[in-house]
């Protein structure tokens, strides 16, 4: 994982407020999740998490169009 990516535990995630150009990554028993923030793109998230975009799409079958994501949406990264 990239040095830019901070992985939070579940309690820390609950304490996160606000938004910005980058959301929050957290570990939930070995699975890494991410909360979408304003101006995020799936390509940017994949780069920051050092995973292929295809992996994010495979783990999140509810994403029908990779260009359409919502602020606050939670996606699985690993």
C-alpha atoms as a PDB file:
ATOM      1  CA  UNK A   1       0.000   0.000   0.000  1.00  0.00           C
ATOM      2  CA  UNK A   2       1.057   3.541  -0.666  1.00  0.00           C
ATOM      3  CA  UNK A   3       2.469   5.775   2.072  1.00  0.00           C
ATOM      4  CA  UNK A   4      -0.349   8.218   1.213  1.00  0.00           C
ATOM      5  CA  UNK A   5      -2.968   5.683   2.235  1.00  0.00           C
ATOM      6  CA  UNK A   6      -3.830   5.650   5.913  1.00  0.00           C
ATOM      7  CA  UNK A   7      -5.734   2.572   7.033  1.00  0.00           C
ATOM      8  CA  UNK A   8      -8.076   3.213   9.928  1.00  0.00           C
ATOM      9  CA  UNK A   9      -9.786   0.847  12.289  1.00  0.00           C
ATOM     10  CA  UNK A  10     -13.597   0.801  12.461  1.00  0.00           C
ATOM     11  CA  UNK A  11     -13.788   3.201  15.419  1.00  0.00           C
ATOM     12  CA  UNK A  12     -11.568   5.733  13.663  1.00  0.00           C
ATOM     13  CA  UNK A  13     -13.766   5.511  10.558  1.00  0.00           C
ATOM     14  CA  UNK A  14     -16.818   6.402  12.627  1.00  0.00           C
ATOM     15  CA  UNK A  15     -14.978   9.488  13.899  1.00  0.00           C
ATOM     16  CA  UNK A  16     -14.078  10.795  10.426  1.00  0.00           C
ATOM     17  CA  UNK A  17     -15.995  13.880   9.391  1.00  0.00           C
ATOM     18  CA  UNK A  18     -15.789  16.235   6.476  1.00  0.00           C
ATOM     19  CA  UNK A  19     -14.610  15.390   2.999  1.00  0.00           C
ATOM     20  CA  UNK A  20     -11.941  16.525   0.639  1.00  0.00           C
ATOM     21  CA  UNK A  21     -10.026  15.097  -2.238  1.00  0.00           C
ATOM     22  CA  UNK A  22      -9.399  11.776  -0.551  1.00  0.00           C
ATOM     23  CA  UNK A  23     -11.650   9.546   1.471  1.00  0.00           C
ATOM     24  CA  UNK A  24     -10.774   6.993   4.101  1.00  0.00           C
ATOM     25  CA  UNK A  25      -9.366   3.467   3.862  1.00  0.00           C
ATOM     26  CA  UNK A  26      -9.923   0.984   6.668  1.00  0.00           C
ATOM     27  CA  UNK A  27      -9.256  -2.644   7.439  1.00  0.00           C
ATOM     28  CA  UNK A  28     -12.170  -4.839   8.464  1.00  0.00           C
ATOM     29  CA  UNK A  29     -10.707  -8.220   9.337  1.00  0.00           C
ATOM     30  CA  UNK A  30      -8.280  -8.276   6.434  1.00  0.00           C
ATOM     31  CA  UNK A  31     -10.614  -6.766   3.837  1.00  0.00           C
ATOM     32  CA  UNK A  32      -9.732  -3.176   2.930  1.00  0.00           C
ATOM     33  CA  UNK A  33     -12.604  -0.743   2.343  1.00  0.00           C
ATOM     34  CA  UNK A  34     -12.728   2.869   1.184  1.00  0.00           C
ATOM     35  CA  UNK A  35     -15.282   5.639   1.689  1.00  0.00           C
ATOM     36  CA  UNK A  36     -15.621   7.808  -1.440  1.00  0.00           C
ATOM     37  CA  UNK A  37     -14.939  11.532  -1.007  1.00  0.00           C
ATOM     38  CA  UNK A  38     -15.623  14.498  -3.254  1.00  0.00           C
ATOM     39  CA  UNK A  39     -13.581  14.550  -6.473  1.00  0.00           C
ATOM     40  CA  UNK A  40     -12.485  10.893  -6.123  1.00  0.00           C
ATOM     41  CA  UNK A  41     -12.304   8.644  -9.163  1.00  0.00           C
ATOM     42  CA  UNK A  42     -11.994   4.868  -9.138  1.00  0.00           C
ATOM     43  CA  UNK A  43      -8.788   5.146 -11.164  1.00  0.00           C
ATOM     44  CA  UNK A  44      -7.249   7.475  -8.577  1.00  0.00           C
ATOM     45  CA  UNK A  45      -8.342   5.203  -5.725  1.00  0.00           C
ATOM     46  CA  UNK A  46      -6.844   2.164  -7.469  1.00  0.00           C
ATOM     47  CA  UNK A  47      -3.534   4.000  -7.898  1.00  0.00           C
ATOM     48  CA  UNK A  48      -3.431   5.099  -4.261  1.00  0.00           C
ATOM     49  CA  UNK A  49      -4.307   1.603  -3.037  1.00  0.00           C
ATOM     50  CA  UNK A  50      -1.891  -0.007  -5.504  1.00  0.00           C
ATOM     51  CA  UNK A  51      -4.507  -2.387  -6.889  1.00  0.00           C
ATOM     52  CA  UNK A  52      -5.842  -2.807 -10.415  1.00  0.00           C
ATOM     53  CA  UNK A  53      -9.084  -1.017 -11.210  1.00  0.00           C
ATOM     54  CA  UNK A  54     -10.427  -4.343 -12.463  1.00  0.00           C
ATOM     55  CA  UNK A  55     -10.040  -5.731  -8.920  1.00  0.00           C
ATOM     56  CA  UNK A  56     -12.127  -2.915  -7.443  1.00  0.00           C
ATOM     57  CA  UNK A  57     -14.827  -3.505 -10.051  1.00  0.00           C
ATOM     58  CA  UNK A  58     -14.795  -7.272  -9.438  1.00  0.00           C
ATOM     59  CA  UNK A  59     -15.162  -6.798  -5.664  1.00  0.00           C
ATOM     60  CA  UNK A  60     -17.974  -4.268  -6.122  1.00  0.00           C
ATOM     61  CA  UNK A  61     -20.433  -5.722  -8.627  1.00  0.00           C
ATOM     62  CA  UNK A  62     -22.970  -3.028  -7.727  1.00  0.00           C
ATOM     63  CA  UNK A  63     -20.797  -0.514  -9.614  1.00  0.00           C
ATOM     64  CA  UNK A  64     -22.263  -0.771 -13.100  1.00  0.00           C
ATOM     65  CA  UNK A  65     -20.496   2.311 -14.498  1.00  0.00           C
ATOM     66  CA  UNK A  66     -16.988   3.046 -13.121  1.00  0.00           C
ATOM     67  CA  UNK A  67     -17.500   6.724 -13.956  1.00  0.00           C
ATOM     68  CA  UNK A  68     -20.490   6.965 -11.606  1.00  0.00           C
ATOM     69  CA  UNK A  69     -19.671   6.811  -7.886  1.00  0.00           C
ATOM     70  CA  UNK A  70     -21.147   8.762  -4.983  1.00  0.00           C
ATOM     71  CA  UNK A  71     -19.629  10.683  -2.094  1.00  0.00           C
ATOM     72  CA  UNK A  72     -19.971   8.560   1.040  1.00  0.00           C
ATOM     73  CA  UNK A  73     -20.253   5.308  -0.915  1.00  0.00           C
ATOM     74  CA  UNK A  74     -18.221   2.494   0.640  1.00  0.00           C
ATOM     75  CA  UNK A  75     -16.320   0.175  -1.697  1.00  0.00           C
ATOM     76  CA  UNK A  76     -14.137  -2.841  -1.089  1.00  0.00           C
ATOM     77  CA  UNK A  77     -10.531  -2.503  -2.268  1.00  0.00           C
ATOM     78  CA  UNK A  78      -9.057  -5.881  -1.226  1.00  0.00           C
END
